[in-house]
PDB file of N, CA and C in Angstrom:
ATOM      1  N   MET A   1    -199.594-163.993 172.517  1.00  0.00           N
ATOM      2  CA  MET A   1    -200.339-162.934 171.949  1.00  0.00           C
ATOM      3  C   MET A   1    -199.705-161.556 172.507  1.00  0.00           C
ATOM      4  N   SER A   2    -199.789-160.668 171.459  1.00  0.00           N
ATOM      5  CA  SER A   2    -199.132-159.442 171.853  1.00  0.00           C
ATOM      6  C   SER A   2    -200.024-158.579 172.880  1.00  0.00           C
ATOM      7  N   PRO A   3    -199.330-157.692 173.583  1.00  0.00           N
ATOM      8  CA  PRO A   3    -200.151-156.860 174.561  1.00  0.00           C
ATOM      9  C   PRO A   3    -201.153-156.026 173.971  1.00  0.00           C
ATOM     10  N   GLU A   4    -200.920-155.509 172.766  1.00  0.00           N
ATOM     11  CA  GLU A   4    -201.962-154.702 172.100  1.00  0.00           C
ATOM     12  C   GLU A   4    -203.130-155.357 171.723  1.00  0.00           C
ATOM     13  N   ILE A   5    -203.007-156.606 171.200  1.00  0.00           N
ATOM     14  CA  ILE A   5    -204.113-157.411 170.819  1.00  0.00           C
ATOM     15  C   ILE A   5    -204.899-157.872 172.034  1.00  0.00           C
ATOM     16  N   GLN A   6    -204.145-158.185 173.141  1.00  0.00           N
ATOM     17  CA  GLN A   6    -204.819-158.580 174.386  1.00  0.00           C
ATOM     18  C   GLN A   6    -205.677-157.511 174.877  1.00  0.00           C
ATOM     19  N   PHE A   7    -205.103-156.234 174.811  1.00  0.00           N
ATOM     20  CA  PHE A   7    -205.931-155.148 175.415  1.00  0.00           C
ATOM     21  C   PHE A   7    -207.009-154.829 174.521  1.00  0.00           C
ATOM     22  N   VAL A   8    -206.992-155.030 173.184  1.00  0.00           N
ATOM     23  CA  VAL A   8    -208.235-154.799 172.372  1.00  0.00           C
ATOM     24  C   VAL A   8    -209.257-155.792 172.653  1.00  0.00           C
ATOM     25  N   LEU A   9    -208.799-157.127 172.698  1.00  0.00           N
ATOM     26  CA  LEU A   9    -209.814-158.150 173.079  1.00  0.00           C
ATOM     27  C   LEU A   9    -210.448-157.941 174.426  1.00  0.00           C
ATOM     28  N   ASN A  10    -209.695-157.659 175.333  1.00  0.00           N
ATOM     29  CA  ASN A  10    -210.140-157.384 176.732  1.00  0.00           C
ATOM     30  C   ASN A  10    -211.172-156.248 176.710  1.00  0.00           C
ATOM     31  N   SER A  11    -210.931-155.194 176.071  1.00  0.00           N
ATOM     32  CA  SER A  11    -211.804-154.046 176.011  1.00  0.00           C
ATOM     33  C   SER A  11    -213.089-154.346 175.365  1.00  0.00           C
ATOM     34  N   PHE A  12    -212.917-155.083 174.274  1.00  0.00           N
ATOM     35  CA  PHE A  12    -214.170-155.513 173.453  1.00  0.00           C
ATOM     36  C   PHE A  12    -215.042-156.494 174.225  1.00  0.00           C
ATOM     37  N   SER A  13    -214.406-157.429 174.984  1.00  0.00           N
ATOM     38  CA  SER A  13    -215.095-158.378 175.816  1.00  0.00           C
ATOM     39  C   SER A  13    -215.758-157.608 176.975  1.00  0.00           C
ATOM     40  N   PHE A  14    -215.104-156.642 177.587  1.00  0.00           N
ATOM     41  CA  PHE A  14    -215.736-155.799 178.564  1.00  0.00           C
ATOM     42  C   PHE A  14    -216.924-155.112 178.149  1.00  0.00           C
ATOM     43  N   LEU A  15    -216.915-154.510 176.922  1.00  0.00           N
ATOM     44  CA  LEU A  15    -218.060-153.857 176.291  1.00  0.00           C
ATOM     45  C   LEU A  15    -219.234-154.837 176.020  1.00  0.00           C
ATOM     46  N   ILE A  16    -218.994-155.998 175.469  1.00  0.00           N
ATOM     47  CA  ILE A  16    -220.011-156.822 175.008  1.00  0.00           C
ATOM     48  C   ILE A  16    -220.679-157.388 176.339  1.00  0.00           C
ATOM     49  N   TRP A  17    -219.909-157.849 177.342  1.00  0.00           N
ATOM     50  CA  TRP A  17    -220.430-158.359 178.578  1.00  0.00           C
ATOM     51  C   TRP A  17    -221.311-157.264 179.232  1.00  0.00           C
ATOM     52  N   GLY A  18    -220.882-156.061 179.249  1.00  0.00           N
ATOM     53  CA  GLY A  18    -221.504-154.898 179.871  1.00  0.00           C
ATOM     54  C   GLY A  18    -222.839-154.680 179.330  1.00  0.00           C
ATOM     55  N   VAL A  19    -222.941-154.856 177.926  1.00  0.00           N
ATOM     56  CA  VAL A  19    -224.140-154.559 177.069  1.00  0.00           C
ATOM     57  C   VAL A  19    -225.169-155.779 177.616  1.00  0.00           C
ATOM     58  N   LEU A  20    -224.638-156.981 177.565  1.00  0.00           N
ATOM     59  CA  LEU A  20    -225.472-158.086 177.862  1.00  0.00           C
ATOM     60  C   LEU A  20    -226.047-157.939 179.311  1.00  0.00           C
ATOM     61  N   ILE A  21    -225.340-157.433 180.245  1.00  0.00           N
ATOM     62  CA  ILE A  21    -225.716-157.249 181.668  1.00  0.00           C
ATOM     63  C   ILE A  21    -226.810-156.189 181.785  1.00  0.00           C
ATOM     64  N   MET A  22    -226.616-155.166 180.916  1.00  0.00           N
ATOM     65  CA  MET A  22    -227.680-154.085 180.847  1.00  0.00           C
ATOM     66  C   MET A  22    -228.971-154.682 180.250  1.00  0.00           C
ATOM     67  N   TRP A  23    -228.972-155.557 179.265  1.00  0.00           N
ATOM     68  CA  TRP A  23    -230.151-156.103 178.715  1.00  0.00           C
ATOM     69  C   TRP A  23    -230.805-157.093 179.774  1.00  0.00           C
ATOM     70  N   MET A  24    -229.834-157.770 180.567  1.00  0.00           N
ATOM     71  CA  MET A  24    -230.463-158.623 181.512  1.00  0.00           C
ATOM     72  C   MET A  24    -231.217-157.838 182.580  1.00  0.00           C
ATOM     73  N   CYS A  25    -230.677-156.745 182.930  1.00  0.00           N
ATOM     74  CA  CYS A  25    -231.342-155.912 184.019  1.00  0.00           C
ATOM     75  C   CYS A  25    -232.727-155.395 183.429  1.00  0.00           C
ATOM     76  N   ALA A  26    -232.745-155.067 182.069  1.00  0.00           N
ATOM     77  CA  ALA A  26    -234.022-154.663 181.465  1.00  0.00           C
ATOM     78  C   ALA A  26    -235.013-155.794 181.462  1.00  0.00           C
ATOM     79  N   GLY A  27    -234.451-156.993 181.227  1.00  0.00           N
ATOM     80  CA  GLY A  27    -235.384-158.205 181.237  1.00  0.00           C
ATOM     81  C   GLY A  27    -236.019-158.470 182.621  1.00  0.00           C
ATOM     82  N   PHE A  28    -235.207-158.442 183.588  1.00  0.00           N
ATOM     83  CA  PHE A  28    -235.636-158.514 184.942  1.00  0.00           C
ATOM     84  C   PHE A  28    -236.711-157.495 185.290  1.00  0.00           C
ATOM     85  N   THR A  29    -236.435-156.300 184.777  1.00  0.00           N
ATOM     86  CA  THR A  29    -237.356-155.283 185.224  1.00  0.00           C
ATOM     87  C   THR A  29    -238.868-155.533 184.563  1.00  0.00           C
ATOM     88  N   MET A  30    -238.744-156.139 183.183  1.00  0.00           N
ATOM     89  CA  MET A  30    -240.020-156.438 182.656  1.00  0.00           C
ATOM     90  C   MET A  30    -240.693-157.549 183.361  1.00  0.00           C
ATOM     91  N   LEU A  31    -239.832-158.493 183.761  1.00  0.00           N
ATOM     92  CA  LEU A  31    -240.383-159.776 184.523  1.00  0.00           C
ATOM     93  C   LEU A  31    -241.129-159.331 185.812  1.00  0.00           C
ATOM     94  N   GLU A  32    -240.440-158.356 186.501  1.00  0.00           N
ATOM     95  CA  GLU A  32    -240.996-157.872 187.723  1.00  0.00           C
ATOM     96  C   GLU A  32    -242.289-157.098 187.595  1.00  0.00           C
ATOM     97  N   SER A  33    -242.151-156.168 186.603  1.00  0.00           N
ATOM     98  CA  SER A  33    -243.282-155.339 186.273  1.00  0.00           C
ATOM     99  C   SER A  33    -244.529-156.232 185.863  1.00  0.00           C
ATOM    100  N   GLY A  34    -244.378-157.246 185.230  1.00  0.00           N
ATOM    101  CA  GLY A  34    -245.425-158.080 184.834  1.00  0.00           C
ATOM    102  C   GLY A  34    -245.970-158.860 186.026  1.00  0.00           C
ATOM    103  N   SER A  35    -245.372-159.064 187.049  1.00  0.00           N
ATOM    104  CA  SER A  35    -245.670-159.849 188.221  1.00  0.00           C
ATOM    105  C   SER A  35    -246.492-159.033 189.330  1.00  0.00           C
ATOM    106  N   VAL A  36    -246.521-157.713 189.119  1.00  0.00           N
ATOM    107  CA  VAL A  36    -247.258-156.902 190.084  1.00  0.00           C
ATOM    108  C   VAL A  36    -248.488-156.201 189.477  1.00  0.00           C
ATOM    109  N   ARG A  37    -249.318-155.579 190.206  1.00  0.00           N
ATOM    110  CA  ARG A  37    -250.427-154.765 189.797  1.00  0.00           C
ATOM    111  C   ARG A  37    -249.933-153.672 188.955  1.00  0.00           C
ATOM    112  N   THR A  38    -250.713-153.208 187.985  1.00  0.00           N
ATOM    113  CA  THR A  38    -250.459-152.107 187.083  1.00  0.00           C
ATOM    114  C   THR A  38    -249.957-150.867 187.764  1.00  0.00           C
ATOM    115  N   LYS A  39    -250.604-150.520 188.934  1.00  0.00           N
ATOM    116  CA  LYS A  39    -250.263-149.383 189.666  1.00  0.00           C
ATOM    117  C   LYS A  39    -248.912-149.313 190.272  1.00  0.00           C
ATOM    118  N   ASN A  40    -248.412-150.626 190.609  1.00  0.00           N
ATOM    119  CA  ASN A  40    -246.999-150.706 191.257  1.00  0.00           C
ATOM    120  C   ASN A  40    -245.870-150.937 190.196  1.00  0.00           C
ATOM    121  N   ALA A  41    -246.314-151.031 188.866  1.00  0.00           N
ATOM    122  CA  ALA A  41    -245.254-151.215 187.899  1.00  0.00           C
ATOM    123  C   ALA A  41    -244.193-150.048 187.869  1.00  0.00           C
ATOM    124  N   SER A  42    -244.732-148.847 187.953  1.00  0.00           N
ATOM    125  CA  SER A  42    -243.701-147.745 187.915  1.00  0.00           C
ATOM    126  C   SER A  42    -242.739-147.754 189.124  1.00  0.00           C
ATOM    127  N   VAL A  43    -243.212-148.143 190.244  1.00  0.00           N
ATOM    128  CA  VAL A  43    -242.303-148.295 191.393  1.00  0.00           C
ATOM    129  C   VAL A  43    -241.167-149.285 191.191  1.00  0.00           C
ATOM    130  N   ILE A  44    -241.492-150.462 190.539  1.00  0.00           N
ATOM    131  CA  ILE A  44    -240.577-151.482 190.287  1.00  0.00           C
ATOM    132  C   ILE A  44    -239.568-150.923 189.286  1.00  0.00           C
ATOM    133  N   CYS A  45    -240.038-150.306 188.188  1.00  0.00           N
ATOM    134  CA  CYS A  45    -239.121-149.697 187.276  1.00  0.00           C
ATOM    135  C   CYS A  45    -238.201-148.779 187.911  1.00  0.00           C
ATOM    136  N   LEU A  46    -238.708-147.795 188.700  1.00  0.00           N
ATOM    137  CA  LEU A  46    -237.802-146.903 189.364  1.00  0.00           C
ATOM    138  C   LEU A  46    -236.783-147.484 190.338  1.00  0.00           C
ATOM    139  N   LYS A  47    -237.242-148.571 191.065  1.00  0.00           N
ATOM    140  CA  LYS A  47    -236.294-149.256 191.927  1.00  0.00           C
ATOM    141  C   LYS A  47    -235.248-149.831 191.056  1.00  0.00           C
ATOM    142  N   ASN A  48    -235.503-150.510 189.976  1.00  0.00           N
ATOM    143  CA  ASN A  48    -234.461-151.222 189.121  1.00  0.00           C
ATOM    144  C   ASN A  48    -233.554-150.216 188.514  1.00  0.00           C
ATOM    145  N   VAL A  49    -234.004-149.036 188.070  1.00  0.00           N
ATOM    146  CA  VAL A  49    -233.274-148.014 187.431  1.00  0.00           C
ATOM    147  C   VAL A  49    -232.248-147.502 188.606  1.00  0.00           C
ATOM    148  N   GLY A  50    -232.856-147.246 189.666  1.00  0.00           N
ATOM    149  CA  GLY A  50    -232.075-146.844 190.905  1.00  0.00           C
ATOM    150  C   GLY A  50    -230.881-147.675 191.222  1.00  0.00           C
ATOM    151  N   LEU A  51    -231.229-149.014 191.291  1.00  0.00           N
ATOM    152  CA  LEU A  51    -230.215-150.023 191.725  1.00  0.00           C
ATOM    153  C   LEU A  51    -229.182-150.094 190.567  1.00  0.00           C
ATOM    154  N   TYR A  52    -229.525-150.026 189.332  1.00  0.00           N
ATOM    155  CA  TYR A  52    -228.597-149.855 188.232  1.00  0.00           C
ATOM    156  C   TYR A  52    -227.631-148.677 188.291  1.00  0.00           C
ATOM    157  N   ALA A  53    -228.217-147.587 188.562  1.00  0.00           N
ATOM    158  CA  ALA A  53    -227.531-146.326 188.679  1.00  0.00           C
ATOM    159  C   ALA A  53    -226.492-146.378 189.945  1.00  0.00           C
ATOM    160  N   ILE A  54    -226.975-146.894 191.042  1.00  0.00           N
ATOM    161  CA  ILE A  54    -226.059-147.120 192.097  1.00  0.00           C
ATOM    162  C   ILE A  54    -224.869-148.065 191.917  1.00  0.00           C
ATOM    163  N   ALA A  55    -225.264-149.170 191.262  1.00  0.00           N
ATOM    164  CA  ALA A  55    -224.203-150.113 190.852  1.00  0.00           C
ATOM    165  C   ALA A  55    -223.227-149.535 189.939  1.00  0.00           C
ATOM    166  N   GLY A  56    -223.574-148.755 188.919  1.00  0.00           N
ATOM    167  CA  GLY A  56    -222.745-148.078 187.963  1.00  0.00           C
ATOM    168  C   GLY A  56    -221.846-147.051 188.722  1.00  0.00           C
ATOM    169  N   LEU A  57    -222.441-146.213 189.596  1.00  0.00           N
ATOM    170  CA  LEU A  57    -221.539-145.353 190.401  1.00  0.00           C
ATOM    171  C   LEU A  57    -220.606-145.968 191.184  1.00  0.00           C
ATOM    172  N   MET A  58    -220.926-146.999 191.904  1.00  0.00           N
ATOM    173  CA  MET A  58    -219.999-147.751 192.756  1.00  0.00           C
ATOM    174  C   MET A  58    -218.941-148.415 192.013  1.00  0.00           C
ATOM    175  N   PHE A  59    -219.253-148.940 190.770  1.00  0.00           N
ATOM    176  CA  PHE A  59    -218.222-149.510 189.958  1.00  0.00           C
ATOM    177  C   PHE A  59    -217.252-148.412 189.518  1.00  0.00           C
ATOM    178  N   TYR A  60    -217.775-147.242 189.160  1.00  0.00           N
ATOM    179  CA  TYR A  60    -216.860-146.138 188.764  1.00  0.00           C
ATOM    180  C   TYR A  60    -216.080-145.637 189.833  1.00  0.00           C
ATOM    181  N   LEU A  61    -216.479-145.659 191.052  1.00  0.00           N
ATOM    182  CA  LEU A  61    -215.797-145.125 192.248  1.00  0.00           C
ATOM    183  C   LEU A  61    -214.834-146.184 192.797  1.00  0.00           C
ATOM    184  N   ILE A  62    -215.167-147.355 192.812  1.00  0.00           N
ATOM    185  CA  ILE A  62    -214.376-148.457 193.413  1.00  0.00           C
ATOM    186  C   ILE A  62    -213.738-149.360 192.471  1.00  0.00           C
ATOM    187  N   GLY A  63    -214.639-149.995 191.622  1.00  0.00           N
ATOM    188  CA  GLY A  63    -214.122-151.054 190.694  1.00  0.00           C
ATOM    189  C   GLY A  63    -213.261-150.604 189.626  1.00  0.00           C
ATOM    190  N   TYR A  64    -213.617-149.491 189.035  1.00  0.00           N
ATOM    191  CA  TYR A  64    -212.764-149.096 187.913  1.00  0.00           C
ATOM    192  C   TYR A  64    -211.333-148.751 188.238  1.00  0.00           C
ATOM    193  N   ASN A  65    -211.126-148.174 189.384  1.00  0.00           N
ATOM    194  CA  ASN A  65    -209.825-147.811 189.869  1.00  0.00           C
ATOM    195  C   ASN A  65    -209.180-149.111 190.085  1.00  0.00           C
ATOM    196  N   ARG A  66    -209.819-150.142 190.674  1.00  0.00           N
ATOM    197  CA  ARG A  66    -209.103-151.333 190.847  1.00  0.00           C
ATOM    198  C   ARG A  66    -208.837-152.211 189.650  1.00  0.00           C
ATOM    199  N   CYS A  67    -209.614-152.007 188.697  1.00  0.00           N
ATOM    200  CA  CYS A  67    -209.366-152.618 187.235  1.00  0.00           C
ATOM    201  C   CYS A  67    -208.166-151.911 186.700  1.00  0.00           C
ATOM    202  N   MET A  68    -207.907-150.681 186.782  1.00  0.00           N
ATOM    203  CA  MET A  68    -206.885-150.014 186.208  1.00  0.00           C
ATOM    204  C   MET A  68    -205.538-150.292 186.797  1.00  0.00           C
ATOM    205  N   TRP A  69    -205.567-150.684 187.949  1.00  0.00           N
ATOM    206  CA  TRP A  69    -204.175-150.970 188.684  1.00  0.00           C
ATOM    207  C   TRP A  69    -203.715-152.536 188.544  1.00  0.00           C
ATOM    208  N   THR A  70    -204.626-153.270 188.136  1.00  0.00           N
ATOM    209  CA  THR A  70    -204.114-154.784 187.875  1.00  0.00           C
ATOM    210  C   THR A  70    -203.644-154.940 186.485  1.00  0.00           C
TER     211      THR A  70
END
């Protein structure tokens, strides 16, 4: 397989799996929100959004650089 095709397929795969992970986080947020009292649902949503944001920033700062060098 040529390097160009491999790059395109790797990029497409990275995009698809990233979208699936994002939907998985949303699903777990709904699951957790349904498991607690109504007044605590907003705290659960804020917690999950915060964790997803921290994970995204850490990947950008640490993981993305590592992916670019391999």
